[in-house]
Amino acid sequence: MLDINSTVIVQILNLVIFFIIFVTLLYKPLMNIIKERQEQMIKHVEEAERVKNESIEARKQYLELHEKLQSQGASIIKDYKDEGERIKNEQISQGKQEARRIIDHANAEIEHQKEVALQGLKEKAVELAIKISEKALVDSLDVRTQQLIIDRVAEKVRASGNE
């Protein structure tokens, strides 16, 4: 049937030995290197995913914080505007009260000066009335009667001036 020759057997044996050596020396270490490389790549991909997720979360937190700070800033600005408006209105009110007080004081002073002037005019009128009465009475009455009339007129004028 088949005639197998010894060289063929040796070649087959060499091939088997070569295959065994190849598998033990090259294939297993090569497969281990490939496996390690795959594991490293998987770790790097997982690390990249973790960093990406952390980055997304950090951005989300940043945006939330930014929005919160903007609303707080707007609230603070509104509070300061309201406070400024309140202070302005308070100052205006105080200014109006001070102006009213000054006007009232000036009116009171004017009224007082008016009363003093009227009192002075009344006194001058009394003096003039007395002088006129004296001149008119000198010719017609004696000194004692004249003095009595002058005193009565002066008392009536003073009494009416004090009212």
Protein backbone atom coordinates (compact mmCIF):
# COMPACT_ATOMS: atom_id res chain seq x y z
CA MET A 1 0.00 0.00 0.00
CA LEU A 2 1.66 3.02 0.98
CA ASP A 3 5.23 2.99 1.16
CA ILE A 4 6.45 5.18 3.85
CA ASN A 5 9.91 6.09 3.69
CA SER A 6 12.10 6.95 6.63
CA THR A 7 12.78 10.51 5.55
CA VAL A 8 9.12 11.27 5.56
CA ILE A 9 8.80 9.94 9.06
CA VAL A 10 11.74 12.02 10.18
CA GLN A 11 10.25 15.07 8.52
CA ILE A 12 6.93 14.45 10.20
CA LEU A 13 8.71 13.95 13.47
CA ASN A 14 10.66 17.18 12.91
CA LEU A 15 7.47 18.97 12.10
CA VAL A 16 5.81 17.70 15.29
CA ILE A 17 8.86 18.63 17.38
CA PHE A 18 8.99 22.05 15.70
CA PHE A 19 5.31 22.53 16.35
CA ILE A 20 5.71 21.57 20.04
CA ILE A 21 8.71 23.91 20.40
CA PHE A 22 6.87 26.64 18.54
CA VAL A 23 3.82 26.30 20.76
CA THR A 24 5.78 26.21 24.01
CA LEU A 25 8.37 28.85 23.17
CA LEU A 26 6.57 31.28 20.91
CA TYR A 27 2.84 30.77 20.84
CA LYS A 28 2.16 30.78 24.63
CA PRO A 29 4.37 33.83 25.34
CA LEU A 30 2.94 35.59 22.31
CA MET A 31 -0.59 34.82 23.46
CA ASN A 32 0.29 36.01 26.99
CA ILE A 33 1.62 39.29 25.56
CA ILE A 34 -1.53 39.72 23.46
CA LYS A 35 -3.70 38.93 26.48
CA GLU A 36 -1.81 41.43 28.67
CA ARG A 37 -2.11 44.06 25.94
CA GLN A 38 -5.87 43.44 25.72
CA GLU A 39 -6.18 43.77 29.51
CA GLN A 40 -4.23 47.03 29.44
CA MET A 41 -6.42 48.36 26.65
CA ILE A 42 -9.54 47.37 28.60
CA LYS A 43 -8.15 49.15 31.69
CA HIS A 44 -7.35 52.25 29.64
CA VAL A 45 -10.82 52.27 28.10
CA GLU A 46 -12.40 51.84 31.56
CA GLU A 47 -10.15 54.63 32.93
CA ALA A 48 -11.12 56.87 30.02
CA GLU A 49 -14.81 56.16 30.67
CA ARG A 50 -14.35 56.90 34.39
CA VAL A 51 -12.55 60.18 33.64
CA LYS A 52 -15.22 61.08 31.08
CA ASN A 53 -17.99 60.41 33.62
CA GLU A 54 -16.15 62.42 36.29
CA SER A 55 -15.69 65.24 33.80
CA ILE A 56 -19.38 65.20 32.91
CA GLU A 57 -20.31 65.22 36.61
CA ALA A 58 -17.84 68.04 37.36
CA ARG A 59 -19.24 70.09 34.46
CA LYS A 60 -22.76 69.48 35.71
CA GLN A 61 -21.76 70.61 39.22
CA TYR A 62 -19.98 73.64 37.77
CA LEU A 63 -23.06 74.64 35.79
CA GLU A 64 -25.29 74.20 38.84
CA LEU A 65 -22.90 76.25 40.97
CA HIS A 66 -22.64 78.90 38.26
CA GLU A 67 -26.42 79.17 38.02
CA LYS A 68 -26.73 79.31 41.81
CA LEU A 69 -24.09 82.05 42.06
CA GLN A 70 -25.76 84.04 39.30
CA SER A 71 -29.10 83.89 41.09
CA GLN A 72 -27.44 84.83 44.38
CA GLY A 73 -25.64 87.71 42.66
CA ALA A 74 -28.90 88.93 41.16
CA SER A 75 -30.56 88.64 44.58
CA ILE A 76 -27.73 90.59 46.24
CA ILE A 77 -27.91 93.30 43.57
CA LYS A 78 -31.68 93.53 44.04
CA ASP A 79 -31.25 93.75 47.83
CA TYR A 80 -28.69 96.54 47.48
CA LYS A 81 -30.92 98.41 45.03
CA ASP A 82 -33.84 98.08 47.44
CA GLU A 83 -31.65 99.23 50.33
CA GLY A 84 -30.42 102.19 48.28
CA GLU A 85 -33.99 103.12 47.37
CA ARG A 86 -35.01 102.86 51.04
CA ILE A 87 -32.09 105.05 52.14
CA LYS A 88 -32.88 107.57 49.36
CA ASN A 89 -36.53 107.75 50.42
CA GLU A 90 -35.49 108.06 54.07
CA GLN A 91 -33.10 110.90 53.23
CA ILE A 92 -35.79 112.66 51.18
CA SER A 93 -38.24 112.28 54.06
CA GLN A 94 -35.71 113.61 56.56
CA GLY A 95 -34.93 116.51 54.21
CA LYS A 96 -38.60 117.35 53.91
CA GLN A 97 -39.01 117.19 57.69
CA GLU A 98 -35.97 119.42 58.17
CA ALA A 99 -37.29 121.86 55.55
CA ARG A 100 -40.70 121.86 57.28
CA ARG A 101 -39.01 122.48 60.64
CA ILE A 102 -36.96 125.37 59.20
CA ILE A 103 -40.05 126.86 57.54
CA ASP A 104 -42.06 126.52 60.76
CA HIS A 105 -39.23 128.12 62.72
CA ALA A 106 -38.99 130.95 60.17
CA ASN A 107 -42.77 131.45 60.29
CA ALA A 108 -42.66 131.54 64.08
CA GLU A 109 -39.81 134.06 63.96
CA ILE A 110 -41.74 136.17 61.42
CA GLU A 111 -44.82 136.02 63.63
CA HIS A 112 -42.76 137.03 66.65
CA GLN A 113 -41.16 139.95 64.75
CA LYS A 114 -44.61 140.97 63.53
CA GLU A 115 -45.91 140.98 67.12
CA VAL A 116 -42.89 142.96 68.30
CA ALA A 117 -43.41 145.47 65.47
CA LEU A 118 -47.14 145.74 66.24
CA GLN A 119 -46.37 146.25 69.92
CA GLY A 120 -43.89 148.99 68.98
CA LEU A 121 -46.50 150.62 66.73
CA LYS A 122 -49.09 150.46 69.48
CA GLU A 123 -46.68 152.04 71.93
CA LYS A 124 -45.87 154.80 69.42
CA ALA A 125 -49.60 155.26 68.81
CA VAL A 126 -50.18 155.54 72.56
CA GLU A 127 -47.40 158.09 72.87
CA LEU A 128 -48.75 160.07 69.94
CA ALA A 129 -52.27 159.89 71.36
CA ILE A 130 -51.00 161.08 74.70
CA LYS A 131 -49.10 163.96 73.10
CA ILE A 132 -52.08 164.93 70.98
CA SER A 133 -54.36 164.69 74.01
CA GLU A 134 -51.95 166.76 76.03
CA LYS A 135 -51.83 169.49 73.43
CA ALA A 136 -55.59 169.46 73.04
CA LEU A 137 -56.24 169.43 76.76
CA VAL A 138 -53.56 171.91 77.75
CA ASP A 139 -55.63 174.68 76.41
CA SER A 140 -58.94 173.56 77.96
CA LEU A 141 -58.24 171.68 81.26
CA ASP A 142 -56.17 172.11 84.34
CA VAL A 143 -53.06 169.95 84.91
CA ARG A 144 -54.60 167.48 87.37
CA THR A 145 -57.62 166.74 85.16
CA GLN A 146 -55.37 166.50 82.15
CA GLN A 147 -53.16 163.93 83.86
CA LEU A 148 -56.18 161.88 84.93
CA ILE A 149 -57.57 161.77 81.37
CA ILE A 150 -54.15 160.89 79.92
CA ASP A 151 -53.69 158.02 82.38
CA ARG A 152 -57.13 156.57 81.58
CA VAL A 153 -56.54 156.77 77.82
CA ALA A 154 -53.08 155.19 78.22
CA GLU A 155 -54.54 152.34 80.31
CA LYS A 156 -57.23 151.63 77.73
CA VAL A 157 -54.69 151.66 74.89
CA ARG A 158 -52.33 149.36 76.84
CA ALA A 159 -55.16 147.02 77.75
CA SER A 160 -56.28 146.80 74.14
CA GLY A 161 -52.59 146.30 73.03
CA ASN A 162 -52.09 143.32 75.39
CA GLU A 163 -55.09 141.49 74.05
